[in-house]
PDB file of N, CA and C in Angstrom:
ATOM      1  N   MET A   1       0.843  -1.180   0.000  1.00  0.00           N
ATOM      2  CA  MET A   1       0.000   0.000   0.000  1.00  0.00           C
ATOM      3  C   MET A   1       0.890   1.246   0.000  1.00  0.00           C
ATOM      4  N   PRO A   2       0.676   2.171  -0.938  1.00  0.00           N
ATOM      5  CA  PRO A   2       1.536   3.360  -1.005  1.00  0.00           C
ATOM      6  C   PRO A   2       1.258   4.319   0.158  1.00  0.00           C
ATOM      7  N   LYS A   3       2.320   5.041   0.535  1.00  0.00           N
ATOM      8  CA  LYS A   3       2.181   6.026   1.613  1.00  0.00           C
ATOM      9  C   LYS A   3       1.411   7.239   1.119  1.00  0.00           C
ATOM     10  N   LYS A   4       0.769   7.925   2.080  1.00  0.00           N
ATOM     11  CA  LYS A   4       0.064   9.142   1.715  1.00  0.00           C
ATOM     12  C   LYS A   4       1.076  10.235   1.416  1.00  0.00           C
ATOM     13  N   ARG A   5       0.732  11.070   0.483  1.00  0.00           N
ATOM     14  CA  ARG A   5       1.605  12.172   0.121  1.00  0.00           C
ATOM     15  C   ARG A   5       1.555  13.229   1.227  1.00  0.00           C
ATOM     16  N   ALA A   6       2.698  13.800   1.574  1.00  0.00           N
ATOM     17  CA  ALA A   6       2.764  14.811   2.625  1.00  0.00           C
ATOM     18  C   ALA A   6       2.035  16.077   2.180  1.00  0.00           C
ATOM     19  N   LYS A   7       1.309  16.675   3.092  1.00  0.00           N
ATOM     20  CA  LYS A   7       0.561  17.883   2.780  1.00  0.00           C
ATOM     21  C   LYS A   7       1.519  19.058   2.658  1.00  0.00           C
ATOM     22  N   LYS A   8       1.330  19.847   1.619  1.00  0.00           N
ATOM     23  CA  LYS A   8       2.166  21.010   1.401  1.00  0.00           C
ATOM     24  C   LYS A   8       1.818  22.078   2.421  1.00  0.00           C
ATOM     25  N   ARG A   9       2.815  22.641   3.106  1.00  0.00           N
ATOM     26  CA  ARG A   9       2.567  23.672   4.100  1.00  0.00           C
ATOM     27  C   ARG A   9       2.564  25.040   3.434  1.00  0.00           C
ATOM     28  N   THR A  10       1.506  25.796   3.716  1.00  0.00           N
ATOM     29  CA  THR A  10       1.423  27.140   3.147  1.00  0.00           C
ATOM     30  C   THR A  10       2.161  28.105   4.066  1.00  0.00           C
ATOM     31  N   PHE A  11       2.688  29.164   3.480  1.00  0.00           N
ATOM     32  CA  PHE A  11       3.452  30.149   4.243  1.00  0.00           C
ATOM     33  C   PHE A  11       2.499  31.011   5.056  1.00  0.00           C
ATOM     34  N   SER A  12       2.797  31.174   6.340  1.00  0.00           N
ATOM     35  CA  SER A  12       2.010  32.030   7.211  1.00  0.00           C
ATOM     36  C   SER A  12       2.925  33.142   7.720  1.00  0.00           C
ATOM     37  N   ALA A  13       2.605  34.365   7.358  1.00  0.00           N
ATOM     38  CA  ALA A  13       3.430  35.506   7.763  1.00  0.00           C
ATOM     39  C   ALA A  13       3.420  35.676   9.276  1.00  0.00           C
ATOM     40  N   VAL A  14       2.287  35.430   9.911  1.00  0.00           N
ATOM     41  CA  VAL A  14       2.172  35.602  11.365  1.00  0.00           C
ATOM     42  C   VAL A  14       3.105  34.635  12.079  1.00  0.00           C
ATOM     43  N   LYS A  15       3.092  33.381  11.651  1.00  0.00           N
ATOM     44  CA  LYS A  15       3.952  32.381  12.284  1.00  0.00           C
ATOM     45  C   LYS A  15       5.424  32.692  12.051  1.00  0.00           C
ATOM     46  N   ALA A  16       5.744  33.211  10.872  1.00  0.00           N
ATOM     47  CA  ALA A  16       7.129  33.542  10.571  1.00  0.00           C
ATOM     48  C   ALA A  16       7.612  34.702  11.438  1.00  0.00           C
ATOM     49  N   VAL A  17       6.773  35.706  11.633  1.00  0.00           N
ATOM     50  CA  VAL A  17       7.145  36.867  12.457  1.00  0.00           C
ATOM     51  C   VAL A  17       7.313  36.438  13.910  1.00  0.00           C
ATOM     52  N   LYS A  18       6.393  35.617  14.416  1.00  0.00           N
ATOM     53  CA  LYS A  18       6.485  35.147  15.797  1.00  0.00           C
ATOM     54  C   LYS A  18       7.733  34.303  16.013  1.00  0.00           C
ATOM     55  N   ALA A  19       8.051  33.436  15.073  1.00  0.00           N
ATOM     56  CA  ALA A  19       9.245  32.610  15.197  1.00  0.00           C
ATOM     57  C   ALA A  19      10.505  33.463  15.198  1.00  0.00           C
ATOM     58  N   ASN A  20      10.542  34.492  14.374  1.00  0.00           N
ATOM     59  CA  ASN A  20      11.677  35.401  14.319  1.00  0.00           C
ATOM     60  C   ASN A  20      11.828  36.153  15.639  1.00  0.00           C
ATOM     61  N   ALA A  21      10.710  36.601  16.209  1.00  0.00           N
ATOM     62  CA  ALA A  21      10.751  37.334  17.477  1.00  0.00           C
ATOM     63  C   ALA A  21      11.232  36.421  18.600  1.00  0.00           C
ATOM     64  N   ARG A  22      10.805  35.151  18.593  1.00  0.00           N
ATOM     65  CA  ARG A  22      11.237  34.207  19.629  1.00  0.00           C
ATOM     66  C   ARG A  22      12.736  33.960  19.549  1.00  0.00           C
ATOM     67  N   GLU A  23      13.273  33.924  18.356  1.00  0.00           N
ATOM     68  CA  GLU A  23      14.712  33.713  18.191  1.00  0.00           C
ATOM     69  C   GLU A  23      15.496  34.906  18.745  1.00  0.00           C
ATOM     70  N   ARG A  24      15.011  36.112  18.498  1.00  0.00           N
ATOM     71  CA  ARG A  24      15.738  37.318  18.918  1.00  0.00           C
ATOM     72  C   ARG A  24      15.593  37.599  20.407  1.00  0.00           C
ATOM     73  N   VAL A  25      14.377  37.541  20.923  1.00  0.00           N
ATOM     74  CA  VAL A  25      14.103  37.949  22.292  1.00  0.00           C
ATOM     75  C   VAL A  25      14.043  36.751  23.237  1.00  0.00           C
ATOM     76  N   GLY A  26      13.524  35.656  22.794  1.00  0.00           N
ATOM     77  CA  GLY A  26      13.338  34.489  23.638  1.00  0.00           C
ATOM     78  C   GLY A  26      11.862  34.259  23.890  1.00  0.00           C
ATOM     79  N   GLN A  27      11.589  33.209  24.631  1.00  0.00           N
ATOM     80  CA  GLN A  27      10.204  32.860  24.917  1.00  0.00           C
ATOM     81  C   GLN A  27       9.567  33.913  25.817  1.00  0.00           C
ATOM     82  N   PRO A  28       8.262  34.174  25.649  1.00  0.00           N
ATOM     83  CA  PRO A  28       7.588  35.108  26.539  1.00  0.00           C
ATOM     84  C   PRO A  28       7.481  34.525  27.944  1.00  0.00           C
ATOM     85  N   LYS A  29       7.393  35.403  28.943  1.00  0.00           N
ATOM     86  CA  LYS A  29       7.281  34.950  30.324  1.00  0.00           C
ATOM     87  C   LYS A  29       5.931  34.290  30.524  1.00  0.00           C
ATOM     88  N   PRO A  30       5.868  33.309  31.429  1.00  0.00           N
ATOM     89  CA  PRO A  30       4.564  32.693  31.692  1.00  0.00           C
ATOM     90  C   PRO A  30       3.620  33.697  32.330  1.00  0.00           C
ATOM     91  N   GLU A  31       2.347  33.480  32.131  1.00  0.00           N
ATOM     92  CA  GLU A  31       1.369  34.443  32.632  1.00  0.00           C
ATOM     93  C   GLU A  31       1.300  34.402  34.150  1.00  0.00           C
ATOM     94  N   ARG A  32       0.974  35.564  34.726  1.00  0.00           N
ATOM     95  CA  ARG A  32       0.830  35.657  36.177  1.00  0.00           C
ATOM     96  C   ARG A  32      -0.609  35.336  36.559  1.00  0.00           C
ATOM     97  N   VAL A  33      -0.772  34.753  37.727  1.00  0.00           N
ATOM     98  CA  VAL A  33      -2.108  34.468  38.221  1.00  0.00           C
ATOM     99  C   VAL A  33      -2.587  35.681  39.012  1.00  0.00           C
ATOM    100  N   ILE A  34      -3.698  36.226  38.577  1.00  0.00           N
ATOM    101  CA  ILE A  34      -4.265  37.399  39.235  1.00  0.00           C
ATOM    102  C   ILE A  34      -5.303  36.908  40.233  1.00  0.00           C
ATOM    103  N   PRO A  35      -5.182  37.305  41.506  1.00  0.00           N
ATOM    104  CA  PRO A  35      -6.163  36.832  42.486  1.00  0.00           C
ATOM    105  C   PRO A  35      -7.555  37.335  42.147  1.00  0.00           C
ATOM    106  N   ASN A  36      -8.516  36.444  42.313  1.00  0.00           N
ATOM    107  CA  ASN A  36      -9.893  36.764  41.971  1.00  0.00           C
ATOM    108  C   ASN A  36     -10.531  37.536  43.114  1.00  0.00           C
ATOM    109  N   THR A  37     -10.944  38.764  42.841  1.00  0.00           N
ATOM    110  CA  THR A  37     -11.624  39.563  43.856  1.00  0.00           C
ATOM    111  C   THR A  37     -13.068  39.740  43.427  1.00  0.00           C
ATOM    112  N   SER A  38     -13.962  39.614  44.379  1.00  0.00           N
ATOM    113  CA  SER A  38     -15.370  39.731  44.043  1.00  0.00           C
ATOM    114  C   SER A  38     -15.726  41.187  43.751  1.00  0.00           C
ATOM    115  N   ARG A  39     -16.803  41.365  43.087  1.00  0.00           N
ATOM    116  CA  ARG A  39     -17.239  42.706  42.697  1.00  0.00           C
ATOM    117  C   ARG A  39     -17.591  43.531  43.935  1.00  0.00           C
ATOM    118  N   GLU A  40     -18.155  42.866  44.941  1.00  0.00           N
ATOM    119  CA  GLU A  40     -18.577  43.572  46.149  1.00  0.00           C
ATOM    120  C   GLU A  40     -17.382  44.162  46.896  1.00  0.00           C
ATOM    121  N   THR A  41     -16.277  43.443  46.935  1.00  0.00           N
ATOM    122  CA  THR A  41     -15.116  43.965  47.655  1.00  0.00           C
ATOM    123  C   THR A  41     -14.501  45.142  46.908  1.00  0.00           C
ATOM    124  N   LYS A  42     -14.587  45.149  45.603  1.00  0.00           N
ATOM    125  CA  LYS A  42     -14.056  46.268  44.824  1.00  0.00           C
ATOM    126  C   LYS A  42     -14.907  47.524  45.015  1.00  0.00           C
ATOM    127  N   ARG A  43     -16.201  47.355  44.983  1.00  0.00           N
ATOM    128  CA  ARG A  43     -17.116  48.495  45.050  1.00  0.00           C
ATOM    129  C   ARG A  43     -17.383  48.944  46.471  1.00  0.00           C
ATOM    130  N   GLY A  44     -17.202  48.059  47.418  1.00  0.00           N
ATOM    131  CA  GLY A  44     -17.621  48.359  48.780  1.00  0.00           C
ATOM    132  C   GLY A  44     -19.000  47.780  48.994  1.00  0.00           C
ATOM    133  N   GLN A  45     -19.399  47.648  50.211  1.00  0.00           N
ATOM    134  CA  GLN A  45     -20.691  47.043  50.489  1.00  0.00           C
ATOM    135  C   GLN A  45     -21.814  47.998  50.133  1.00  0.00           C
ATOM    136  N   LYS A  46     -22.904  47.422  49.659  1.00  0.00           N
ATOM    137  CA  LYS A  46     -24.035  48.228  49.249  1.00  0.00           C
ATOM    138  C   LYS A  46     -24.823  48.729  50.460  1.00  0.00           C
ATOM    139  N   HIS A  47     -24.974  47.860  51.451  1.00  0.00           N
ATOM    140  CA  HIS A  47     -25.722  48.219  52.644  1.00  0.00           C
ATOM    141  C   HIS A  47     -24.797  48.189  53.854  1.00  0.00           C
ATOM    142  N   PRO A  48     -24.942  49.157  54.753  1.00  0.00           N
ATOM    143  CA  PRO A  48     -24.113  49.120  55.956  1.00  0.00           C
ATOM    144  C   PRO A  48     -24.556  47.981  56.871  1.00  0.00           C
ATOM    145  N   LYS A  49     -23.637  47.543  57.747  1.00  0.00           N
ATOM    146  CA  LYS A  49     -23.955  46.467  58.667  1.00  0.00           C
ATOM    147  C   LYS A  49     -24.977  46.956  59.687  1.00  0.00           C
ATOM    148  N   THR A  50     -25.798  46.033  60.126  1.00  0.00           N
ATOM    149  CA  THR A  50     -26.806  46.395  61.114  1.00  0.00           C
ATOM    150  C   THR A  50     -26.163  46.470  62.490  1.00  0.00           C
ATOM    151  N   LEU A  51     -26.872  47.095  63.407  1.00  0.00           N
ATOM    152  CA  LEU A  51     -26.374  47.258  64.761  1.00  0.00           C
ATOM    153  C   LEU A  51     -26.176  45.897  65.433  1.00  0.00           C
ATOM    154  N   ALA A  52     -27.067  44.964  65.175  1.00  0.00           N
ATOM    155  CA  ALA A  52     -26.955  43.631  65.768  1.00  0.00           C
ATOM    156  C   ALA A  52     -25.680  42.928  65.288  1.00  0.00           C
ATOM    157  N   LYS A  53     -25.354  43.054  63.999  1.00  0.00           N
ATOM    158  CA  LYS A  53     -24.135  42.420  63.466  1.00  0.00           C
ATOM    159  C   LYS A  53     -22.894  43.082  64.033  1.00  0.00           C
ATOM    160  N   LEU A  54     -22.915  44.392  64.171  1.00  0.00           N
ATOM    161  CA  LEU A  54     -21.763  45.099  64.733  1.00  0.00           C
ATOM    162  C   LEU A  54     -21.517  44.697  66.180  1.00  0.00           C
ATOM    163  N   LEU A  55     -22.593  44.561  66.969  1.00  0.00           N
ATOM    164  CA  LEU A  55     -22.450  44.182  68.369  1.00  0.00           C
ATOM    165  C   LEU A  55     -21.995  42.729  68.517  1.00  0.00           C
ATOM    166  N   SER A  56     -22.458  41.856  67.604  1.00  0.00           N
ATOM    167  CA  SER A  56     -22.063  40.450  67.695  1.00  0.00           C
ATOM    168  C   SER A  56     -20.603  40.250  67.314  1.00  0.00           C
ATOM    169  N   GLU A  57     -20.044  41.096  66.447  1.00  0.00           N
ATOM    170  CA  GLU A  57     -18.640  40.987  66.055  1.00  0.00           C
ATOM    171  C   GLU A  57     -17.702  41.405  67.202  1.00  0.00           C
ATOM    172  N   GLU A  58     -18.117  42.377  67.996  1.00  0.00           N
ATOM    173  CA  GLU A  58     -17.274  42.871  69.076  1.00  0.00           C
ATOM    174  C   GLU A  58     -17.105  41.853  70.192  1.00  0.00           C
ATOM    175  N   THR A  59     -18.138  41.092  70.484  1.00  0.00           N
ATOM    176  CA  THR A  59     -18.071  40.139  71.606  1.00  0.00           C
ATOM    177  C   THR A  59     -17.648  38.783  71.167  1.00  0.00           C
TER     178      THR A  59
END
């Protein structure tokens, strides 16, 4: 049984530019993990704490 013919690779300018940049500068740094903060902590609380909650936290 004859082997399949190899697929011809088309030229991609984007891949060529990226490969050239990797050769000159090196691999990009791995991404940093950004801690997930909830929307409420960013904006602040919508409602103030009640008097009962404030008193229970103190004791």
